[in-house]
Amino acid sequence: MLNDIYNRRILELAADIPLLGRLPEPQATATARSKLCGSTVTVDLALDGDVVTGFAHDVKACALGQASSSIMGRHVLGSTASELREVREIASRMLRAGGEAPEGKWEDLKVLEPLRDYKARHPSIMLTFDAVVDALDQIEAGRTKEAG
């Protein structure tokens, strides 16, 4: 069991998380917390139009939350809001419904496939995705308010 959960690649990702810290002037900040283990991920996000141009995160999570945050940190800059919403859904389906791991730049998520059977670990893995989508929602809500 532990070899599936904490394989070498997951531990490598957890040990090397890009873009740690906080943005000085984010357009949105969101925190996601796992009630089960207490892991938290706080993300700061800035967009230019629909494209992520600024990202930082404060990761206080288990190795699995750190690994998924590492994957996010590697690929978030230059991603569009719709792409990030889609990758969240793909990750959720991969873990919870036996869906396929993504291809392309998000294919690192395949390393998390063996965790499908460990449902208690899913919330920690999804923290970064949930926080990013929350921040996107905040930015879009602010734009709607400004336009209205």
C-alpha atoms as a PDB file:
ATOM      1  CA  MET A   1       0.000   0.000   0.000  1.00  0.00           C
ATOM      2  CA  LEU A   2       2.604   2.579   0.989  1.00  0.00           C
ATOM      3  CA  ASN A   3       4.611   1.918  -2.181  1.00  0.00           C
ATOM      4  CA  ASP A   4       1.547   2.809  -4.301  1.00  0.00           C
ATOM      5  CA  ILE A   5       0.863   5.974  -2.346  1.00  0.00           C
ATOM      6  CA  TYR A   6       4.380   7.210  -1.850  1.00  0.00           C
ATOM      7  CA  ASN A   7       6.186   6.050  -4.965  1.00  0.00           C
ATOM      8  CA  ARG A   8       9.472   7.666  -5.962  1.00  0.00           C
ATOM      9  CA  ARG A   9       7.954  10.088  -8.493  1.00  0.00           C
ATOM     10  CA  ILE A  10       5.364  11.366  -5.996  1.00  0.00           C
ATOM     11  CA  LEU A  11       8.109  11.977  -3.460  1.00  0.00           C
ATOM     12  CA  GLU A  12      10.252  13.742  -6.091  1.00  0.00           C
ATOM     13  CA  LEU A  13       7.368  16.021  -7.019  1.00  0.00           C
ATOM     14  CA  ALA A  14       6.599  16.720  -3.356  1.00  0.00           C
ATOM     15  CA  ALA A  15      10.213  17.701  -2.731  1.00  0.00           C
ATOM     16  CA  ASP A  16      10.346  20.148  -5.657  1.00  0.00           C
ATOM     17  CA  ILE A  17       7.328  22.463  -5.728  1.00  0.00           C
ATOM     18  CA  PRO A  18       7.716  25.408  -8.119  1.00  0.00           C
ATOM     19  CA  LEU A  19       6.316  28.893  -7.477  1.00  0.00           C
ATOM     20  CA  LEU A  20       6.126  28.614  -3.698  1.00  0.00           C
ATOM     21  CA  GLY A  21       5.264  31.785  -1.831  1.00  0.00           C
ATOM     22  CA  ARG A  22       2.736  34.556  -2.337  1.00  0.00           C
ATOM     23  CA  LEU A  23       2.084  37.085  -5.088  1.00  0.00           C
ATOM     24  CA  PRO A  24       2.436  40.723  -4.008  1.00  0.00           C
ATOM     25  CA  GLU A  25      -0.777  41.793  -5.790  1.00  0.00           C
ATOM     26  CA  PRO A  26      -2.943  38.839  -6.813  1.00  0.00           C
ATOM     27  CA  GLN A  27      -6.307  39.314  -8.468  1.00  0.00           C
ATOM     28  CA  ALA A  28      -7.617  36.530  -6.241  1.00  0.00           C
ATOM     29  CA  THR A  29      -6.534  34.365  -3.331  1.00  0.00           C
ATOM     30  CA  ALA A  30      -8.184  31.085  -2.392  1.00  0.00           C
ATOM     31  CA  THR A  31      -7.503  28.471   0.245  1.00  0.00           C
ATOM     32  CA  ALA A  32      -8.610  24.848   0.141  1.00  0.00           C
ATOM     33  CA  ARG A  33      -8.409  22.669   3.250  1.00  0.00           C
ATOM     34  CA  SER A  34      -8.812  18.953   3.765  1.00  0.00           C
ATOM     35  CA  LYS A  35     -11.047  18.314   6.765  1.00  0.00           C
ATOM     36  CA  LEU A  36      -9.653  14.811   7.136  1.00  0.00           C
ATOM     37  CA  CYS A  37      -5.950  15.574   7.477  1.00  0.00           C
ATOM     38  CA  GLY A  38      -5.784  19.356   7.872  1.00  0.00           C
ATOM     39  CA  SER A  39      -3.700  19.922   4.732  1.00  0.00           C
ATOM     40  CA  THR A  40      -4.100  23.378   3.209  1.00  0.00           C
ATOM     41  CA  VAL A  41      -3.156  24.991  -0.072  1.00  0.00           C
ATOM     42  CA  THR A  42      -3.478  28.743  -0.594  1.00  0.00           C
ATOM     43  CA  VAL A  43      -3.110  30.047  -4.136  1.00  0.00           C
ATOM     44  CA  ASP A  44      -2.638  33.559  -5.455  1.00  0.00           C
ATOM     45  CA  LEU A  45      -3.663  34.058  -9.053  1.00  0.00           C
ATOM     46  CA  ALA A  46      -3.455  36.758 -11.703  1.00  0.00           C
ATOM     47  CA  LEU A  47      -4.865  36.620 -15.218  1.00  0.00           C
ATOM     48  CA  ASP A  48      -4.351  38.645 -18.349  1.00  0.00           C
ATOM     49  CA  GLY A  49      -7.631  38.119 -20.152  1.00  0.00           C
ATOM     50  CA  ASP A  50      -8.191  34.384 -19.798  1.00  0.00           C
ATOM     51  CA  VAL A  51      -4.520  33.375 -19.389  1.00  0.00           C
ATOM     52  CA  VAL A  52      -2.698  32.845 -16.089  1.00  0.00           C
ATOM     53  CA  THR A  53       0.202  35.283 -15.881  1.00  0.00           C
ATOM     54  CA  GLY A  54       0.836  35.166 -12.147  1.00  0.00           C
ATOM     55  CA  PHE A  55       0.691  32.281  -9.699  1.00  0.00           C
ATOM     56  CA  ALA A  56       2.116  31.465  -6.302  1.00  0.00           C
ATOM     57  CA  HIS A  57       1.044  29.023  -3.644  1.00  0.00           C
ATOM     58  CA  ASP A  58       1.595  28.299   0.010  1.00  0.00           C
ATOM     59  CA  VAL A  59       1.452  24.527   0.446  1.00  0.00           C
ATOM     60  CA  LYS A  60       1.052  23.016   3.887  1.00  0.00           C
ATOM     61  CA  ALA A  61       0.014  19.555   2.881  1.00  0.00           C
ATOM     62  CA  CYS A  62       0.913  15.893   2.966  1.00  0.00           C
ATOM     63  CA  ALA A  63       3.160  14.443   0.268  1.00  0.00           C
ATOM     64  CA  LEU A  64       0.172  13.810  -1.994  1.00  0.00           C
ATOM     65  CA  GLY A  65      -1.076  17.388  -1.709  1.00  0.00           C
ATOM     66  CA  GLN A  66       2.474  18.566  -2.275  1.00  0.00           C
ATOM     67  CA  ALA A  67       2.834  16.370  -5.375  1.00  0.00           C
ATOM     68  CA  SER A  68      -0.363  17.647  -6.985  1.00  0.00           C
ATOM     69  CA  SER A  69       0.615  21.229  -6.077  1.00  0.00           C
ATOM     70  CA  SER A  70       3.986  20.608  -7.706  1.00  0.00           C
ATOM     71  CA  ILE A  71       2.257  19.490 -10.904  1.00  0.00           C
ATOM     72  CA  MET A  72       0.061  22.601 -10.816  1.00  0.00           C
ATOM     73  CA  GLY A  73       3.079  24.850 -10.257  1.00  0.00           C
ATOM     74  CA  ARG A  74       4.862  23.339 -13.248  1.00  0.00           C
ATOM     75  CA  HIS A  75       2.045  23.927 -15.719  1.00  0.00           C
ATOM     76  CA  VAL A  76      -0.276  26.709 -14.521  1.00  0.00           C
ATOM     77  CA  LEU A  77       1.473  29.724 -16.053  1.00  0.00           C
ATOM     78  CA  GLY A  78       0.185  30.246 -19.570  1.00  0.00           C
ATOM     79  CA  SER A  79      -2.837  28.017 -18.986  1.00  0.00           C
ATOM     80  CA  THR A  80      -6.319  29.347 -19.665  1.00  0.00           C
ATOM     81  CA  ALA A  81      -9.137  29.435 -17.149  1.00  0.00           C
ATOM     82  CA  SER A  82     -11.131  26.888 -19.154  1.00  0.00           C
ATOM     83  CA  GLU A  83      -8.113  24.555 -19.337  1.00  0.00           C
ATOM     84  CA  LEU A  84      -7.672  24.722 -15.558  1.00  0.00           C
ATOM     85  CA  ARG A  85     -11.355  24.010 -14.955  1.00  0.00           C
ATOM     86  CA  GLU A  86     -11.132  21.069 -17.334  1.00  0.00           C
ATOM     87  CA  VAL A  87      -7.993  19.621 -15.738  1.00  0.00           C
ATOM     88  CA  ARG A  88      -9.715  19.783 -12.344  1.00  0.00           C
ATOM     89  CA  GLU A  89     -12.614  17.752 -13.735  1.00  0.00           C
ATOM     90  CA  ILE A  90     -10.245  15.281 -15.396  1.00  0.00           C
ATOM     91  CA  ALA A  91      -8.289  14.801 -12.153  1.00  0.00           C
ATOM     92  CA  SER A  92     -11.507  14.297 -10.211  1.00  0.00           C
ATOM     93  CA  ARG A  93     -12.857  11.754 -12.715  1.00  0.00           C
ATOM     94  CA  MET A  94      -9.485   9.976 -12.791  1.00  0.00           C
ATOM     95  CA  LEU A  95      -9.555   9.512  -9.026  1.00  0.00           C
ATOM     96  CA  ARG A  96     -13.259   9.063  -8.314  1.00  0.00           C
ATOM     97  CA  ALA A  97     -14.733   7.500 -11.444  1.00  0.00           C
ATOM     98  CA  GLY A  98     -11.901   5.562 -13.076  1.00  0.00           C
ATOM     99  CA  GLY A  99     -11.423   8.153 -15.803  1.00  0.00           C
ATOM    100  CA  GLU A 100      -8.321   8.412 -17.938  1.00  0.00           C
ATOM    101  CA  ALA A 101      -5.377  10.556 -16.915  1.00  0.00           C
ATOM    102  CA  PRO A 102      -4.813  13.559 -19.144  1.00  0.00           C
ATOM    103  CA  GLU A 103      -2.346  13.651 -21.994  1.00  0.00           C
ATOM    104  CA  GLY A 104      -0.072  16.510 -22.965  1.00  0.00           C
ATOM    105  CA  LYS A 105       1.339  18.946 -20.466  1.00  0.00           C
ATOM    106  CA  TRP A 106      -0.850  17.617 -17.602  1.00  0.00           C
ATOM    107  CA  GLU A 107       0.163  13.964 -18.101  1.00  0.00           C
ATOM    108  CA  ASP A 108       2.178  14.074 -14.856  1.00  0.00           C
ATOM    109  CA  LEU A 109      -1.184  13.489 -13.170  1.00  0.00           C
ATOM    110  CA  LYS A 110      -0.828   9.833 -14.218  1.00  0.00           C
ATOM    111  CA  VAL A 111       1.434   9.394 -11.191  1.00  0.00           C
ATOM    112  CA  LEU A 112      -1.685   9.811  -9.030  1.00  0.00           C
ATOM    113  CA  GLU A 113      -3.727   7.073 -10.758  1.00  0.00           C
ATOM    114  CA  PRO A 114      -2.741   4.365  -8.233  1.00  0.00           C
ATOM    115  CA  LEU A 115      -4.537   6.409  -5.557  1.00  0.00           C
ATOM    116  CA  ARG A 116      -8.015   5.731  -6.966  1.00  0.00           C
ATOM    117  CA  ASP A 117      -8.588   3.075  -4.344  1.00  0.00           C
ATOM    118  CA  TYR A 118      -7.517   5.350  -1.480  1.00  0.00           C
ATOM    119  CA  LYS A 119     -10.597   7.570  -1.285  1.00  0.00           C
ATOM    120  CA  ALA A 120      -9.506   9.201   1.959  1.00  0.00           C
ATOM    121  CA  ARG A 121      -6.523  10.662   0.056  1.00  0.00           C
ATOM    122  CA  HIS A 122      -8.559  12.254  -2.749  1.00  0.00           C
ATOM    123  CA  PRO A 123      -9.350  15.534  -0.944  1.00  0.00           C
ATOM    124  CA  SER A 124      -5.647  16.221  -0.325  1.00  0.00           C
ATOM    125  CA  ILE A 125      -4.794  15.545  -3.950  1.00  0.00           C
ATOM    126  CA  MET A 126      -7.585  17.861  -5.160  1.00  0.00           C
ATOM    127  CA  LEU A 127      -6.681  20.826  -2.912  1.00  0.00           C
ATOM    128  CA  THR A 128      -4.629  22.693  -5.499  1.00  0.00           C
ATOM    129  CA  PHE A 129      -7.245  22.197  -8.219  1.00  0.00           C
ATOM    130  CA  ASP A 130     -10.076  23.307  -5.940  1.00  0.00           C
ATOM    131  CA  ALA A 131      -8.194  26.417  -4.812  1.00  0.00           C
ATOM    132  CA  VAL A 132      -7.295  27.404  -8.375  1.00  0.00           C
ATOM    133  CA  VAL A 133     -10.905  27.071  -9.550  1.00  0.00           C
ATOM    134  CA  ASP A 134     -12.086  29.048  -6.512  1.00  0.00           C
ATOM    135  CA  ALA A 135      -9.636  31.836  -7.417  1.00  0.00           C
ATOM    136  CA  LEU A 136     -10.815  31.765 -11.044  1.00  0.00           C
ATOM    137  CA  ASP A 137     -14.412  32.048  -9.839  1.00  0.00           C
ATOM    138  CA  GLN A 138     -13.478  35.082  -7.735  1.00  0.00           C
ATOM    139  CA  ILE A 139     -11.800  36.813 -10.680  1.00  0.00           C
ATOM    140  CA  GLU A 140     -14.739  36.106 -12.993  1.00  0.00           C
ATOM    141  CA  ALA A 141     -17.233  37.296 -10.348  1.00  0.00           C
ATOM    142  CA  GLY A 142     -15.267  40.517  -9.978  1.00  0.00           C
ATOM    143  CA  ARG A 143     -15.289  41.078 -13.731  1.00  0.00           C
ATOM    144  CA  THR A 144     -19.036  40.442 -13.902  1.00  0.00           C
ATOM    145  CA  LYS A 145     -19.618  42.930 -11.086  1.00  0.00           C
ATOM    146  CA  GLU A 146     -17.453  45.558 -12.834  1.00  0.00           C
ATOM    147  CA  ALA A 147     -19.262  45.021 -16.149  1.00  0.00           C
ATOM    148  CA  GLY A 148     -22.715  45.158 -14.547  1.00  0.00           C
END
